[in-house]
C-alpha atoms as a PDB file:
ATOM      1  CA  UNK A   1     -65.880 -25.927 149.936  1.00  0.00           C
ATOM      2  CA  UNK A   2     -66.865 -22.676 148.812  1.00  0.00           C
ATOM      3  CA  UNK A   3     -65.177 -20.770 151.659  1.00  0.00           C
ATOM      4  CA  UNK A   4     -62.028 -22.550 151.139  1.00  0.00           C
ATOM      5  CA  UNK A   5     -61.999 -22.047 147.383  1.00  0.00           C
ATOM      6  CA  UNK A   6     -62.333 -18.402 147.738  1.00  0.00           C
ATOM      7  CA  UNK A   7     -60.428 -18.077 151.044  1.00  0.00           C
ATOM      8  CA  UNK A   8     -57.462 -16.116 149.418  1.00  0.00           C
ATOM      9  CA  UNK A   9     -59.729 -13.641 147.678  1.00  0.00           C
ATOM     10  CA  UNK A  10     -61.704 -12.978 150.817  1.00  0.00           C
ATOM     11  CA  UNK A  11     -58.719 -12.535 152.971  1.00  0.00           C
ATOM     12  CA  UNK A  12     -57.440  -9.733 150.517  1.00  0.00           C
ATOM     13  CA  UNK A  13     -60.525  -7.825 151.151  1.00  0.00           C
ATOM     14  CA  UNK A  14     -61.459  -8.709 154.746  1.00  0.00           C
ATOM     15  CA  UNK A  15     -59.475  -9.009 157.930  1.00  0.00           C
ATOM     16  CA  UNK A  16     -62.046 -11.370 159.414  1.00  0.00           C
ATOM     17  CA  UNK A  17     -63.932 -13.738 157.426  1.00  0.00           C
ATOM     18  CA  UNK A  18     -65.846 -15.477 160.324  1.00  0.00           C
ATOM     19  CA  UNK A  19     -69.134 -13.882 159.277  1.00  0.00           C
ATOM     20  CA  UNK A  20     -69.025 -15.818 156.007  1.00  0.00           C
ATOM     21  CA  UNK A  21     -71.196 -18.944 156.679  1.00  0.00           C
ATOM     22  CA  UNK A  22     -72.436 -21.648 154.422  1.00  0.00           C
ATOM     23  CA  UNK A  23     -76.232 -22.195 154.986  1.00  0.00           C
ATOM     24  CA  UNK A  24     -76.119 -25.698 153.855  1.00  0.00           C
ATOM     25  CA  UNK A  25     -73.901 -26.773 156.611  1.00  0.00           C
ATOM     26  CA  UNK A  26     -76.468 -25.531 159.192  1.00  0.00           C
ATOM     27  CA  UNK A  27     -79.178 -27.697 157.216  1.00  0.00           C
ATOM     28  CA  UNK A  28     -76.657 -30.715 157.535  1.00  0.00           C
ATOM     29  CA  UNK A  29     -76.567 -30.583 161.238  1.00  0.00           C
ATOM     30  CA  UNK A  30     -80.352 -30.147 161.414  1.00  0.00           C
ATOM     31  CA  UNK A  31     -80.864 -33.101 159.246  1.00  0.00           C
ATOM     32  CA  UNK A  32     -78.261 -35.194 161.250  1.00  0.00           C
ATOM     33  CA  UNK A  33     -79.900 -34.427 164.375  1.00  0.00           C
ATOM     34  CA  UNK A  34     -83.372 -35.323 163.101  1.00  0.00           C
ATOM     35  CA  UNK A  35     -81.922 -38.685 161.847  1.00  0.00           C
ATOM     36  CA  UNK A  36     -80.171 -39.430 165.143  1.00  0.00           C
ATOM     37  CA  UNK A  37     -83.839 -38.732 166.828  1.00  0.00           C
ATOM     38  CA  UNK A  38     -85.514 -41.044 164.416  1.00  0.00           C
ATOM     39  CA  UNK A  39     -82.862 -43.779 164.986  1.00  0.00           C
ATOM     40  CA  UNK A  40     -83.105 -43.352 168.694  1.00  0.00           C
ATOM     41  CA  UNK A  41     -86.950 -43.728 168.716  1.00  0.00           C
ATOM     42  CA  UNK A  42     -86.691 -46.752 166.527  1.00  0.00           C
ATOM     43  CA  UNK A  43     -84.120 -48.656 168.620  1.00  0.00           C
ATOM     44  CA  UNK A  44     -85.722 -47.688 171.979  1.00  0.00           C
ATOM     45  CA  UNK A  45     -89.421 -47.967 171.372  1.00  0.00           C
ATOM     46  CA  UNK A  46     -90.333 -49.364 167.892  1.00  0.00           C
ATOM     47  CA  UNK A  47     -87.868 -52.244 167.716  1.00  0.00           C
ATOM     48  CA  UNK A  48     -88.895 -53.725 171.098  1.00  0.00           C
ATOM     49  CA  UNK A  49     -92.509 -53.641 170.422  1.00  0.00           C
ATOM     50  CA  UNK A  50     -92.631 -54.492 166.862  1.00  0.00           C
ATOM     51  CA  UNK A  51     -89.581 -56.757 166.582  1.00  0.00           C
ATOM     52  CA  UNK A  52     -91.051 -58.921 163.984  1.00  0.00           C
ATOM     53  CA  UNK A  53     -92.663 -56.325 162.030  1.00  0.00           C
ATOM     54  CA  UNK A  54     -90.592 -55.657 158.936  1.00  0.00           C
ATOM     55  CA  UNK A  55     -92.747 -52.875 157.649  1.00  0.00           C
ATOM     56  CA  UNK A  56     -91.871 -50.582 160.547  1.00  0.00           C
ATOM     57  CA  UNK A  57     -88.308 -50.936 159.887  1.00  0.00           C
ATOM     58  CA  UNK A  58     -88.765 -50.447 156.256  1.00  0.00           C
ATOM     59  CA  UNK A  59     -90.709 -47.189 156.907  1.00  0.00           C
ATOM     60  CA  UNK A  60     -87.841 -46.000 159.095  1.00  0.00           C
ATOM     61  CA  UNK A  61     -85.163 -46.784 156.534  1.00  0.00           C
ATOM     62  CA  UNK A  62     -87.209 -45.085 153.937  1.00  0.00           C
ATOM     63  CA  UNK A  63     -87.561 -41.824 155.932  1.00  0.00           C
ATOM     64  CA  UNK A  64     -83.669 -42.037 156.619  1.00  0.00           C
ATOM     65  CA  UNK A  65     -83.053 -42.387 152.961  1.00  0.00           C
ATOM     66  CA  UNK A  66     -85.157 -39.293 152.226  1.00  0.00           C
ATOM     67  CA  UNK A  67     -83.026 -37.316 154.769  1.00  0.00           C
ATOM     68  CA  UNK A  68     -79.880 -38.487 153.161  1.00  0.00           C
ATOM     69  CA  UNK A  69     -80.967 -37.801 149.688  1.00  0.00           C
ATOM     70  CA  UNK A  70     -82.144 -34.349 150.669  1.00  0.00           C
ATOM     71  CA  UNK A  71     -78.760 -33.590 152.085  1.00  0.00           C
ATOM     72  CA  UNK A  72     -77.079 -34.829 148.978  1.00  0.00           C
ATOM     73  CA  UNK A  73     -79.263 -32.596 146.759  1.00  0.00           C
ATOM     74  CA  UNK A  74     -78.678 -29.495 149.108  1.00  0.00           C
ATOM     75  CA  UNK A  75     -75.015 -30.087 149.212  1.00  0.00           C
ATOM     76  CA  UNK A  76     -75.058 -30.466 145.402  1.00  0.00           C
ATOM     77  CA  UNK A  77     -76.470 -27.006 144.841  1.00  0.00           C
ATOM     78  CA  UNK A  78     -74.226 -25.241 147.274  1.00  0.00           C
ATOM     79  CA  UNK A  79     -73.068 -23.123 144.424  1.00  0.00           C
ATOM     80  CA  UNK A  80     -76.665 -21.761 143.938  1.00  0.00           C
ATOM     81  CA  UNK A  81     -76.959 -20.999 147.711  1.00  0.00           C
ATOM     82  CA  UNK A  82     -73.688 -19.191 147.447  1.00  0.00           C
ATOM     83  CA  UNK A  83     -74.807 -16.997 144.606  1.00  0.00           C
ATOM     84  CA  UNK A  84     -77.938 -15.781 146.354  1.00  0.00           C
ATOM     85  CA  UNK A  85     -78.095 -12.075 147.081  1.00  0.00           C
ATOM     86  CA  UNK A  86     -77.753 -12.392 150.932  1.00  0.00           C
ATOM     87  CA  UNK A  87     -74.314 -13.816 150.456  1.00  0.00           C
ATOM     88  CA  UNK A  88     -70.940 -11.903 149.533  1.00  0.00           C
ATOM     89  CA  UNK A  89     -70.897 -12.688 145.722  1.00  0.00           C
ATOM     90  CA  UNK A  90     -67.292 -13.561 144.366  1.00  0.00           C
ATOM     91  CA  UNK A  91     -67.685 -11.108 141.581  1.00  0.00           C
ATOM     92  CA  UNK A  92     -68.155  -8.332 144.195  1.00  0.00           C
ATOM     93  CA  UNK A  93     -65.118  -9.342 145.953  1.00  0.00           C
ATOM     94  CA  UNK A  94     -63.202  -9.115 142.539  1.00  0.00           C
ATOM     95  CA  UNK A  95     -64.633  -5.717 141.982  1.00  0.00           C
ATOM     96  CA  UNK A  96     -63.540  -4.463 145.371  1.00  0.00           C
ATOM     97  CA  UNK A  97     -60.134  -6.147 144.585  1.00  0.00           C
ATOM     98  CA  UNK A  98     -59.679  -4.247 141.353  1.00  0.00           C
ATOM     99  CA  UNK A  99     -60.843  -0.981 143.171  1.00  0.00           C
ATOM    100  CA  UNK A 100     -58.098  -1.645 145.849  1.00  0.00           C
ATOM    101  CA  UNK A 101     -55.362  -2.339 143.341  1.00  0.00           C
ATOM    102  CA  UNK A 102     -56.169   0.665 141.350  1.00  0.00           C
ATOM    103  CA  UNK A 103     -56.078   3.028 144.247  1.00  0.00           C
ATOM    104  CA  UNK A 104     -52.939   1.484 145.489  1.00  0.00           C
ATOM    105  CA  UNK A 105     -51.513   1.819 142.011  1.00  0.00           C
ATOM    106  CA  UNK A 106     -52.367   5.535 141.905  1.00  0.00           C
ATOM    107  CA  UNK A 107     -50.586   5.951 145.305  1.00  0.00           C
ATOM    108  CA  UNK A 108     -47.524   4.070 144.278  1.00  0.00           C
ATOM    109  CA  UNK A 109     -47.066   6.188 141.182  1.00  0.00           C
ATOM    110  CA  UNK A 110     -47.764   9.262 143.082  1.00  0.00           C
ATOM    111  CA  UNK A 111     -44.958   8.220 145.587  1.00  0.00           C
ATOM    112  CA  UNK A 112     -42.418   7.736 142.779  1.00  0.00           C
ATOM    113  CA  UNK A 113     -43.490  10.323 140.123  1.00  0.00           C
ATOM    114  CA  UNK A 114     -44.300  13.319 142.362  1.00  0.00           C
ATOM    115  CA  UNK A 115     -42.704  12.549 145.649  1.00  0.00           C
ATOM    116  CA  UNK A 116     -39.585  11.041 143.857  1.00  0.00           C
ATOM    117  CA  UNK A 117     -39.266   8.398 146.697  1.00  0.00           C
ATOM    118  CA  UNK A 118     -36.682   6.703 144.518  1.00  0.00           C
ATOM    119  CA  UNK A 119     -34.028   9.442 145.431  1.00  0.00           C
ATOM    120  CA  UNK A 120     -34.261   8.329 149.099  1.00  0.00           C
ATOM    121  CA  UNK A 121     -31.117   6.406 150.138  1.00  0.00           C
ATOM    122  CA  UNK A 122     -31.418   2.896 151.113  1.00  0.00           C
ATOM    123  CA  UNK A 123     -35.006   2.771 149.975  1.00  0.00           C
ATOM    124  CA  UNK A 124     -36.829  -0.283 151.017  1.00  0.00           C
ATOM    125  CA  UNK A 125     -40.261  -1.890 150.221  1.00  0.00           C
ATOM    126  CA  UNK A 126     -41.346  -1.057 153.777  1.00  0.00           C
ATOM    127  CA  UNK A 127     -40.680   2.661 153.266  1.00  0.00           C
ATOM    128  CA  UNK A 128     -43.045   2.503 150.290  1.00  0.00           C
ATOM    129  CA  UNK A 129     -45.598   0.481 152.380  1.00  0.00           C
ATOM    130  CA  UNK A 130     -45.665   3.174 155.065  1.00  0.00           C
ATOM    131  CA  UNK A 131     -46.043   6.033 152.564  1.00  0.00           C
ATOM    132  CA  UNK A 132     -48.906   4.194 150.610  1.00  0.00           C
ATOM    133  CA  UNK A 133     -50.418   2.998 153.989  1.00  0.00           C
ATOM    134  CA  UNK A 134     -50.339  -0.593 152.487  1.00  0.00           C
ATOM    135  CA  UNK A 135     -48.238  -3.931 153.181  1.00  0.00           C
ATOM    136  CA  UNK A 136     -45.395  -5.709 151.519  1.00  0.00           C
ATOM    137  CA  UNK A 137     -47.546  -8.218 149.788  1.00  0.00           C
ATOM    138  CA  UNK A 138     -49.913  -5.949 148.053  1.00  0.00           C
ATOM    139  CA  UNK A 139     -47.043  -3.544 146.978  1.00  0.00           C
ATOM    140  CA  UNK A 140     -44.941  -6.678 145.695  1.00  0.00           C
ATOM    141  CA  UNK A 141     -47.740  -8.271 143.855  1.00  0.00           C
ATOM    142  CA  UNK A 142     -48.938  -4.879 142.306  1.00  0.00           C
ATOM    143  CA  UNK A 143     -45.297  -4.103 140.986  1.00  0.00           C
ATOM    144  CA  UNK A 144     -44.974  -7.706 139.583  1.00  0.00           C
ATOM    145  CA  UNK A 145     -48.484  -7.740 138.053  1.00  0.00           C
ATOM    146  CA  UNK A 146     -48.729  -4.146 136.694  1.00  0.00           C
ATOM    147  CA  UNK A 147     -45.136  -3.572 135.723  1.00  0.00           C
ATOM    148  CA  UNK A 148     -43.422  -7.003 135.257  1.00  0.00           C
ATOM    149  CA  UNK A 149     -40.685  -6.410 137.597  1.00  0.00           C
ATOM    150  CA  UNK A 150     -39.403  -6.889 141.214  1.00  0.00           C
ATOM    151  CA  UNK A 151     -39.277  -3.885 143.639  1.00  0.00           C
ATOM    152  CA  UNK A 152     -35.522  -3.395 143.220  1.00  0.00           C
ATOM    153  CA  UNK A 153     -35.793  -3.208 139.262  1.00  0.00           C
ATOM    154  CA  UNK A 154     -38.940  -0.875 139.702  1.00  0.00           C
ATOM    155  CA  UNK A 155     -36.951   1.545 141.706  1.00  0.00           C
ATOM    156  CA  UNK A 156     -33.694   1.324 139.626  1.00  0.00           C
ATOM    157  CA  UNK A 157     -35.872   2.020 136.545  1.00  0.00           C
ATOM    158  CA  UNK A 158     -36.819   5.442 138.020  1.00  0.00           C
ATOM    159  CA  UNK A 159     -33.158   6.175 139.081  1.00  0.00           C
ATOM    160  CA  UNK A 160     -31.864   5.194 135.651  1.00  0.00           C
ATOM    161  CA  UNK A 161     -34.586   7.656 134.090  1.00  0.00           C
ATOM    162  CA  UNK A 162     -33.496  10.373 136.355  1.00  0.00           C
ATOM    163  CA  UNK A 163     -29.714   9.778 135.499  1.00  0.00           C
ATOM    164  CA  UNK A 164     -30.484   9.985 131.701  1.00  0.00           C
ATOM    165  CA  UNK A 165     -32.363  13.291 132.447  1.00  0.00           C
ATOM    166  CA  UNK A 166     -29.193  14.730 134.083  1.00  0.00           C
ATOM    167  CA  UNK A 167     -26.943  13.384 131.444  1.00  0.00           C
ATOM    168  CA  UNK A 168     -28.809  15.015 128.758  1.00  0.00           C
ATOM    169  CA  UNK A 169     -29.107  18.244 130.704  1.00  0.00           C
ATOM    170  CA  UNK A 170     -26.276  20.828 130.015  1.00  0.00           C
ATOM    171  CA  UNK A 171     -26.648  22.045 133.711  1.00  0.00           C
ATOM    172  CA  UNK A 172     -25.022  18.642 134.697  1.00  0.00           C
ATOM    173  CA  UNK A 173     -22.297  18.533 132.092  1.00  0.00           C
ATOM    174  CA  UNK A 174     -19.618  19.167 134.616  1.00  0.00           C
ATOM    175  CA  UNK A 175     -20.903  16.662 137.153  1.00  0.00           C
ATOM    176  CA  UNK A 176     -18.921  13.592 137.485  1.00  0.00           C
ATOM    177  CA  UNK A 177     -20.664  10.223 137.042  1.00  0.00           C
ATOM    178  CA  UNK A 178     -20.408   9.249 140.807  1.00  0.00           C
ATOM    179  CA  UNK A 179     -22.202  12.496 141.514  1.00  0.00           C
ATOM    180  CA  UNK A 180     -24.821  11.753 138.932  1.00  0.00           C
ATOM    181  CA  UNK A 181     -25.354   8.454 140.604  1.00  0.00           C
ATOM    182  CA  UNK A 182     -25.776   9.865 143.971  1.00  0.00           C
ATOM    183  CA  UNK A 183     -27.989  12.523 142.667  1.00  0.00           C
ATOM    184  CA  UNK A 184     -30.179   9.782 141.160  1.00  0.00           C
ATOM    185  CA  UNK A 185     -30.471   7.713 144.330  1.00  0.00           C
ATOM    186  CA  UNK A 186     -27.756   5.158 143.785  1.00  0.00           C
ATOM    187  CA  UNK A 187     -25.445   4.364 146.706  1.00  0.00           C
ATOM    188  CA  UNK A 188     -22.464   3.516 144.514  1.00  0.00           C
ATOM    189  CA  UNK A 189     -21.072   3.999 141.051  1.00  0.00           C
ATOM    190  CA  UNK A 190     -20.916   0.428 140.580  1.00  0.00           C
ATOM    191  CA  UNK A 191     -24.742  -0.070 141.269  1.00  0.00           C
ATOM    192  CA  UNK A 192     -25.305   2.827 139.029  1.00  0.00           C
ATOM    193  CA  UNK A 193     -23.345   1.324 136.124  1.00  0.00           C
ATOM    194  CA  UNK A 194     -25.012  -2.140 136.525  1.00  0.00           C
ATOM    195  CA  UNK A 195     -28.471  -0.681 136.590  1.00  0.00           C
ATOM    196  CA  UNK A 196     -27.824   1.774 133.713  1.00  0.00           C
ATOM    197  CA  UNK A 197     -26.503  -0.960 131.574  1.00  0.00           C
ATOM    198  CA  UNK A 198     -29.399  -3.226 132.180  1.00  0.00           C
ATOM    199  CA  UNK A 199     -32.049  -0.657 131.229  1.00  0.00           C
ATOM    200  CA  UNK A 200     -30.215   0.930 128.365  1.00  0.00           C
ATOM    201  CA  UNK A 201     -27.626  -1.470 127.024  1.00  0.00           C
ATOM    202  CA  UNK A 202     -25.025   1.077 127.691  1.00  0.00           C
ATOM    203  CA  UNK A 203     -22.818   2.321 130.498  1.00  0.00           C
ATOM    204  CA  UNK A 204     -23.406   5.874 131.678  1.00  0.00           C
ATOM    205  CA  UNK A 205     -19.998   7.006 130.436  1.00  0.00           C
ATOM    206  CA  UNK A 206     -20.717   5.816 126.813  1.00  0.00           C
ATOM    207  CA  UNK A 207     -24.149   7.339 127.117  1.00  0.00           C
ATOM    208  CA  UNK A 208     -22.845  10.682 127.985  1.00  0.00           C
ATOM    209  CA  UNK A 209     -20.504  10.794 125.144  1.00  0.00           C
ATOM    210  CA  UNK A 210     -23.035   9.560 122.634  1.00  0.00           C
ATOM    211  CA  UNK A 211     -25.359  12.541 123.953  1.00  0.00           C
ATOM    212  CA  UNK A 212     -22.583  15.075 123.534  1.00  0.00           C
ATOM    213  CA  UNK A 213     -21.727  13.985 120.102  1.00  0.00           C
ATOM    214  CA  UNK A 214     -25.471  14.272 119.142  1.00  0.00           C
ATOM    215  CA  UNK A 215     -25.729  17.811 120.651  1.00  0.00           C
ATOM    216  CA  UNK A 216     -22.651  18.882 118.669  1.00  0.00           C
END
């Protein structure tokens, strides 16, 4: 069924998909009703009056076969029916999807680049959802698809970049590493060390010494 096949895409755009209908289903019920009427007439009137007349039954069965064949042909062309201009075309849904994702990506980048949400203590994906006026599934899928990482790694990447900036900046030379960690948004020195090592393959202390040597 076309509706079931594209259910996921439709649900991502629309909150209510009850308005999506398949016209060939309506035709099915009309054919079925007509077939039932013909069968009723045959059994109630014609069979009793022309019990021995095989031609009458043959005509009835032929007419029923035409109905069933028409139904099969109509059902087989449901893809063409779906693609008519008066239906929501799947390509239009995909275009809308891309537009929504692009807009959400812009909001996400703005939230982290300009508003520096990564500095927020105990930041959760729900905080980002409220800020971008989105939901958890959209945000999570966007980060996975566009940046190739989960939410936690995405936040830590920004925090590590902030820490690198401070470790290279002479204004923060006298700041201890736990203070650098706090100013970068980390809750502890341990989580700071672990994240920094993951993204730079070096610990903050070693990185600071390396930077100091390069400056000298």
